[in-house]
């Protein structure tokens, strides 16, 4: 396991960047009249995912990081819905949609793993704080 020195070291960020490329490629197939509607929304949702991972990582471990991971997961939800719309209106075929959906699933799994890791870190910090407070309380009341 390598040390995470930058958000670029996170598998979730790497997968999200691959997803962005997949979405851009997919959107090139859309009709020109969708360039400023569904294409724009899909690209913005896709770009939001690695952007929020990077911004959260820049904040360091804690509640703000967890919030940015939550936002990234929300953007994945938006993107999943937009992909389904594109499929239903016939802008993409099932095979192309399935390829991107697999990237969405992989990114979602990694983000949930990142969220679990951040939750564990927070729990460790809280337990350490409680232990210090209990020790301090025991000293005060002895």
Protein backbone atom coordinates (compact mmCIF):
# COMPACT_ATOMS: atom_id res chain seq x y z
CA UNK A 1 0.00 0.00 0.00
CA UNK A 2 1.52 3.31 -1.04
CA UNK A 3 1.31 6.48 0.98
CA UNK A 4 -1.24 9.05 -0.12
CA UNK A 5 0.74 12.23 -0.59
CA UNK A 6 -1.67 13.92 -2.99
CA UNK A 7 -5.24 13.48 -4.16
CA UNK A 8 -3.67 12.12 -7.36
CA UNK A 9 -2.59 9.06 -5.34
CA UNK A 10 -6.20 8.19 -4.48
CA UNK A 11 -7.74 5.40 -6.56
CA UNK A 12 -11.11 7.14 -6.27
CA UNK A 13 -9.71 10.29 -7.90
CA UNK A 14 -7.99 8.27 -10.64
CA UNK A 15 -11.20 6.37 -11.41
CA UNK A 16 -13.17 9.63 -11.41
CA UNK A 17 -10.74 11.14 -13.90
CA UNK A 18 -11.17 8.10 -16.15
CA UNK A 19 -14.92 8.56 -15.82
CA UNK A 20 -14.63 12.19 -16.95
CA UNK A 21 -12.78 11.07 -20.08
CA UNK A 22 -15.42 8.42 -20.73
CA UNK A 23 -18.23 10.96 -20.38
CA UNK A 24 -16.54 13.43 -22.71
CA UNK A 25 -16.08 10.69 -25.29
CA UNK A 26 -19.67 9.53 -24.91
CA UNK A 27 -21.06 13.06 -25.22
CA UNK A 28 -19.31 13.54 -28.56
CA UNK A 29 -21.93 11.17 -29.98
CA UNK A 30 -24.87 13.33 -28.92
CA UNK A 31 -26.77 15.50 -31.39
CA UNK A 32 -25.53 19.08 -31.75
CA UNK A 33 -28.74 20.50 -30.27
CA UNK A 34 -27.95 18.76 -26.96
CA UNK A 35 -24.54 20.42 -26.64
CA UNK A 36 -25.87 23.06 -24.25
CA UNK A 37 -28.39 20.92 -22.42
CA UNK A 38 -27.82 17.32 -21.41
CA UNK A 39 -24.18 17.26 -22.57
CA UNK A 40 -23.34 20.26 -20.43
CA UNK A 41 -25.06 18.79 -17.37
CA UNK A 42 -23.35 15.41 -17.79
CA UNK A 43 -19.93 16.98 -18.18
CA UNK A 44 -20.42 19.22 -15.16
CA UNK A 45 -21.57 16.30 -12.99
CA UNK A 46 -18.63 14.17 -14.14
CA UNK A 47 -16.08 16.95 -13.57
CA UNK A 48 -17.56 17.58 -10.12
CA UNK A 49 -16.54 14.13 -8.89
CA UNK A 50 -12.73 14.35 -9.09
CA UNK A 51 -12.89 18.06 -8.29
CA UNK A 52 -14.65 17.40 -4.98
CA UNK A 53 -12.28 14.55 -4.12
CA UNK A 54 -9.32 16.90 -4.68
CA UNK A 55 -10.90 19.75 -2.73
CA UNK A 56 -11.82 17.46 0.16
CA UNK A 57 -8.32 16.00 0.29
CA UNK A 58 -6.86 19.53 0.36
CA UNK A 59 -8.87 20.18 3.54
CA UNK A 60 -7.26 17.23 5.30
CA UNK A 61 -9.07 14.48 7.20
CA UNK A 62 -12.20 15.57 8.95
CA UNK A 63 -15.78 16.63 8.41
CA UNK A 64 -15.09 18.90 5.43
CA UNK A 65 -13.36 16.08 3.56
CA UNK A 66 -16.29 13.77 4.28
CA UNK A 67 -18.69 16.43 3.02
CA UNK A 68 -16.82 16.71 -0.28
CA UNK A 69 -16.93 12.94 -0.68
CA UNK A 70 -20.70 13.13 -0.08
CA UNK A 71 -21.01 15.82 -2.77
CA UNK A 72 -18.96 13.66 -5.19
CA UNK A 73 -21.35 10.77 -4.54
CA UNK A 74 -24.28 13.10 -5.22
CA UNK A 75 -22.72 14.10 -8.52
CA UNK A 76 -22.43 10.41 -9.42
CA UNK A 77 -26.14 10.07 -8.70
CA UNK A 78 -26.89 12.95 -11.05
CA UNK A 79 -24.66 11.46 -13.70
CA UNK A 80 -26.33 8.05 -13.43
CA UNK A 81 -29.72 9.66 -13.98
CA UNK A 82 -28.46 11.73 -16.92
CA UNK A 83 -26.94 8.63 -18.49
CA UNK A 84 -30.27 6.85 -18.15
CA UNK A 85 -32.00 9.80 -19.82
CA UNK A 86 -29.50 9.72 -22.69
CA UNK A 87 -30.17 6.01 -23.10
CA UNK A 88 -33.95 6.38 -23.01
CA UNK A 89 -34.05 9.19 -25.57
CA UNK A 90 -31.73 7.25 -27.86
CA UNK A 91 -28.59 9.40 -27.75
CA UNK A 92 -26.48 6.39 -26.73
CA UNK A 93 -26.84 2.66 -27.21
CA UNK A 94 -26.90 0.10 -24.40
CA UNK A 95 -23.30 -0.98 -24.92
CA UNK A 96 -21.90 2.57 -24.70
CA UNK A 97 -24.09 3.32 -21.69
CA UNK A 98 -22.98 0.08 -19.99
CA UNK A 99 -19.30 0.97 -20.43
CA UNK A 100 -19.75 4.33 -18.74
CA UNK A 101 -22.07 2.83 -16.12
CA UNK A 102 -19.28 0.40 -15.20
CA UNK A 103 -16.94 3.37 -14.67
CA UNK A 104 -19.60 5.07 -12.53
CA UNK A 105 -19.99 1.91 -10.44
CA UNK A 106 -16.24 1.55 -9.94
CA UNK A 107 -15.91 5.21 -8.93
CA UNK A 108 -18.87 4.90 -6.55
CA UNK A 109 -17.34 1.83 -4.88
CA UNK A 110 -14.03 3.60 -4.38
CA UNK A 111 -15.75 6.70 -3.00
CA UNK A 112 -17.69 4.60 -0.51
CA UNK A 113 -14.40 3.01 0.53
CA UNK A 114 -12.85 6.45 0.95
CA UNK A 115 -15.84 7.53 3.03
CA UNK A 116 -15.50 4.45 5.26
CA UNK A 117 -11.81 5.20 5.74
CA UNK A 118 -12.56 8.80 6.69
CA UNK A 119 -15.26 7.62 9.10
CA UNK A 120 -12.78 5.25 10.77
CA UNK A 121 -10.23 8.07 11.08
CA UNK A 122 -12.85 10.29 12.66
CA UNK A 123 -13.86 7.54 15.09
CA UNK A 124 -10.24 7.04 16.13
CA UNK A 125 -9.89 10.78 16.75
CA UNK A 126 -13.09 10.88 18.80
CA UNK A 127 -12.08 7.87 20.86
CA UNK A 128 -8.64 9.36 21.51
CA UNK A 129 -10.28 12.61 22.62
CA UNK A 130 -12.68 10.75 24.93
CA UNK A 131 -9.76 8.79 26.43
CA UNK A 132 -7.86 12.01 27.12
CA UNK A 133 -10.94 13.62 28.67
CA UNK A 134 -11.62 10.57 30.85
CA UNK A 135 -8.01 10.55 32.01
CA UNK A 136 -8.16 14.27 32.74
CA UNK A 137 -11.44 13.78 34.61
CA UNK A 138 -9.99 10.95 36.66
CA UNK A 139 -7.03 13.12 37.62
CA UNK A 140 -9.29 16.03 38.59
CA UNK A 141 -11.59 13.91 40.73
CA UNK A 142 -8.97 11.79 42.48
